[in-house]
Amino acid sequence: MGLGITELLIILAIILIIFGAGKLPELGDGIGRSIKNFRRAVKNDEIDVTPRSPDRVAGRDEDPPKGGHR
Protein backbone atom coordinates (compact mmCIF):
# COMPACT_ATOMS: atom_id res chain seq x y z
CA MET A 1 0.00 0.00 0.00
CA GLY A 2 2.28 2.73 -1.22
CA LEU A 3 1.47 6.22 -2.28
CA GLY A 4 0.41 6.61 -5.86
CA ILE A 5 0.94 9.55 -8.20
CA THR A 6 -2.47 11.00 -7.38
CA GLU A 7 -1.82 11.01 -3.63
CA LEU A 8 1.62 12.59 -4.08
CA LEU A 9 0.17 15.34 -6.28
CA ILE A 10 -2.53 16.08 -3.71
CA ILE A 11 0.07 16.27 -0.91
CA LEU A 12 2.27 18.55 -3.04
CA ALA A 13 -0.70 20.83 -3.80
CA ILE A 14 -1.56 21.09 -0.10
CA ILE A 15 2.07 21.93 0.78
CA LEU A 16 2.14 24.54 -1.99
CA ILE A 17 -1.03 26.14 -0.66
CA ILE A 18 0.20 26.15 2.96
CA PHE A 19 3.77 27.38 2.44
CA GLY A 20 3.54 29.20 -0.89
CA ALA A 21 5.87 28.91 -3.86
CA GLY A 22 8.50 31.24 -2.36
CA LYS A 23 9.07 29.12 0.74
CA LEU A 24 9.34 25.75 -0.99
CA PRO A 25 13.10 26.03 -1.78
CA GLU A 26 13.84 26.97 1.84
CA LEU A 27 11.66 24.13 3.10
CA GLY A 28 13.35 21.62 0.80
CA ASP A 29 16.79 22.87 1.80
CA GLY A 30 15.98 22.52 5.49
CA ILE A 31 14.60 19.02 5.05
CA GLY A 32 17.66 18.03 2.99
CA ARG A 33 20.07 19.31 5.63
CA SER A 34 18.11 17.53 8.36
CA ILE A 35 18.28 14.21 6.51
CA LYS A 36 21.99 14.69 5.81
CA ASN A 37 22.72 15.44 9.49
CA PHE A 38 20.61 12.49 10.62
CA ARG A 39 22.45 10.11 8.29
CA ARG A 40 25.80 11.47 9.49
CA ALA A 41 24.78 11.03 13.13
CA VAL A 42 23.60 7.46 12.55
CA LYS A 43 26.77 6.60 10.61
CA ASN A 44 29.20 7.99 13.21
CA ASP A 45 29.56 6.52 16.66
CA GLU A 46 30.71 9.81 18.15
CA ILE A 47 28.81 13.06 18.46
CA ASP A 48 30.75 16.27 17.90
CA VAL A 49 29.82 18.82 20.55
CA THR A 50 32.52 21.33 19.67
CA PRO A 51 31.18 24.90 19.30
CA ARG A 52 31.25 26.30 15.77
CA SER A 53 33.17 29.41 16.80
CA PRO A 54 34.98 30.61 19.92
CA ASP A 55 32.23 33.18 20.55
CA ARG A 56 29.58 30.47 20.90
CA VAL A 57 30.76 29.45 24.33
CA ALA A 58 27.88 29.25 26.81
CA GLY A 59 26.65 32.71 27.69
CA ARG A 60 28.85 34.73 25.34
CA ASP A 61 26.51 34.74 22.36
CA GLU A 62 23.55 36.05 24.37
CA ASP A 63 22.80 39.70 25.04
CA PRO A 64 23.46 40.80 28.61
CA PRO A 65 20.32 41.00 30.75
CA LYS A 66 18.62 44.37 30.78
CA GLY A 67 17.80 46.09 34.03
CA GLY A 68 19.47 46.06 37.39
CA HIS A 69 21.30 43.35 39.24
CA ARG A 70 19.48 40.91 41.49
C-alpha atoms as a PDB file:
ATOM      1  CA  MET A   1       0.000   0.000   0.000  1.00  0.00           C
ATOM      2  CA  GLY A   2       2.281   2.728  -1.218  1.00  0.00           C
ATOM      3  CA  LEU A   3       1.465   6.222  -2.279  1.00  0.00           C
ATOM      4  CA  GLY A   4       0.409   6.609  -5.864  1.00  0.00           C
ATOM      5  CA  ILE A   5       0.945   9.545  -8.204  1.00  0.00           C
ATOM      6  CA  THR A   6      -2.470  11.004  -7.376  1.00  0.00           C
ATOM      7  CA  GLU A   7      -1.818  11.006  -3.632  1.00  0.00           C
ATOM      8  CA  LEU A   8       1.619  12.586  -4.075  1.00  0.00           C
ATOM      9  CA  LEU A   9       0.169  15.339  -6.280  1.00  0.00           C
ATOM     10  CA  ILE A  10      -2.529  16.078  -3.706  1.00  0.00           C
ATOM     11  CA  ILE A  11       0.070  16.274  -0.911  1.00  0.00           C
ATOM     12  CA  LEU A  12       2.270  18.555  -3.043  1.00  0.00           C
ATOM     13  CA  ALA A  13      -0.702  20.828  -3.802  1.00  0.00           C
ATOM     14  CA  ILE A  14      -1.556  21.089  -0.095  1.00  0.00           C
ATOM     15  CA  ILE A  15       2.065  21.925   0.778  1.00  0.00           C
ATOM     16  CA  LEU A  16       2.139  24.535  -1.994  1.00  0.00           C
ATOM     17  CA  ILE A  17      -1.030  26.144  -0.656  1.00  0.00           C
ATOM     18  CA  ILE A  18       0.196  26.152   2.955  1.00  0.00           C
ATOM     19  CA  PHE A  19       3.767  27.379   2.436  1.00  0.00           C
ATOM     20  CA  GLY A  20       3.540  29.199  -0.894  1.00  0.00           C
ATOM     21  CA  ALA A  21       5.870  28.913  -3.857  1.00  0.00           C
ATOM     22  CA  GLY A  22       8.498  31.245  -2.358  1.00  0.00           C
ATOM     23  CA  LYS A  23       9.074  29.122   0.741  1.00  0.00           C
ATOM     24  CA  LEU A  24       9.343  25.748  -0.991  1.00  0.00           C
ATOM     25  CA  PRO A  25      13.098  26.031  -1.780  1.00  0.00           C
ATOM     26  CA  GLU A  26      13.842  26.974   1.840  1.00  0.00           C
ATOM     27  CA  LEU A  27      11.665  24.132   3.095  1.00  0.00           C
ATOM     28  CA  GLY A  28      13.353  21.624   0.800  1.00  0.00           C
ATOM     29  CA  ASP A  29      16.793  22.868   1.802  1.00  0.00           C
ATOM     30  CA  GLY A  30      15.980  22.521   5.490  1.00  0.00           C
ATOM     31  CA  ILE A  31      14.602  19.015   5.049  1.00  0.00           C
ATOM     32  CA  GLY A  32      17.656  18.028   2.993  1.00  0.00           C
ATOM     33  CA  ARG A  33      20.069  19.309   5.632  1.00  0.00           C
ATOM     34  CA  SER A  34      18.114  17.525   8.358  1.00  0.00           C
ATOM     35  CA  ILE A  35      18.275  14.214   6.512  1.00  0.00           C
ATOM     36  CA  LYS A  36      21.986  14.695   5.811  1.00  0.00           C
ATOM     37  CA  ASN A  37      22.720  15.440   9.493  1.00  0.00           C
ATOM     38  CA  PHE A  38      20.607  12.490  10.622  1.00  0.00           C
ATOM     39  CA  ARG A  39      22.455  10.109   8.293  1.00  0.00           C
ATOM     40  CA  ARG A  40      25.800  11.471   9.488  1.00  0.00           C
ATOM     41  CA  ALA A  41      24.776  11.032  13.133  1.00  0.00           C
ATOM     42  CA  VAL A  42      23.605   7.465  12.548  1.00  0.00           C
ATOM     43  CA  LYS A  43      26.769   6.600  10.609  1.00  0.00           C
ATOM     44  CA  ASN A  44      29.202   7.992  13.207  1.00  0.00           C
ATOM     45  CA  ASP A  45      29.556   6.519  16.659  1.00  0.00           C
ATOM     46  CA  GLU A  46      30.707   9.810  18.154  1.00  0.00           C
ATOM     47  CA  ILE A  47      28.806  13.058  18.459  1.00  0.00           C
ATOM     48  CA  ASP A  48      30.754  16.273  17.903  1.00  0.00           C
ATOM     49  CA  VAL A  49      29.815  18.822  20.551  1.00  0.00           C
ATOM     50  CA  THR A  50      32.525  21.333  19.668  1.00  0.00           C
ATOM     51  CA  PRO A  51      31.176  24.905  19.301  1.00  0.00           C
ATOM     52  CA  ARG A  52      31.255  26.298  15.774  1.00  0.00           C
ATOM     53  CA  SER A  53      33.169  29.411  16.796  1.00  0.00           C
ATOM     54  CA  PRO A  54      34.980  30.608  19.922  1.00  0.00           C
ATOM     55  CA  ASP A  55      32.229  33.182  20.547  1.00  0.00           C
ATOM     56  CA  ARG A  56      29.577  30.472  20.897  1.00  0.00           C
ATOM     57  CA  VAL A  57      30.760  29.455  24.334  1.00  0.00           C
ATOM     58  CA  ALA A  58      27.878  29.254  26.811  1.00  0.00           C
ATOM     59  CA  GLY A  59      26.653  32.713  27.694  1.00  0.00           C
ATOM     60  CA  ARG A  60      28.847  34.726  25.344  1.00  0.00           C
ATOM     61  CA  ASP A  61      26.506  34.742  22.361  1.00  0.00           C
ATOM     62  CA  GLU A  62      23.554  36.050  24.371  1.00  0.00           C
ATOM     63  CA  ASP A  63      22.805  39.698  25.040  1.00  0.00           C
ATOM     64  CA  PRO A  64      23.460  40.802  28.609  1.00  0.00           C
ATOM     65  CA  PRO A  65      20.323  40.999  30.752  1.00  0.00           C
ATOM     66  CA  LYS A  66      18.622  44.369  30.779  1.00  0.00           C
ATOM     67  CA  GLY A  67      17.801  46.090  34.027  1.00  0.00           C
ATOM     68  CA  GLY A  68      19.471  46.064  37.393  1.00  0.00           C
ATOM     69  CA  HIS A  69      21.301  43.352  39.244  1.00  0.00           C
ATOM     70  CA  ARG A  70      19.478  40.908  41.490  1.00  0.00           C
END
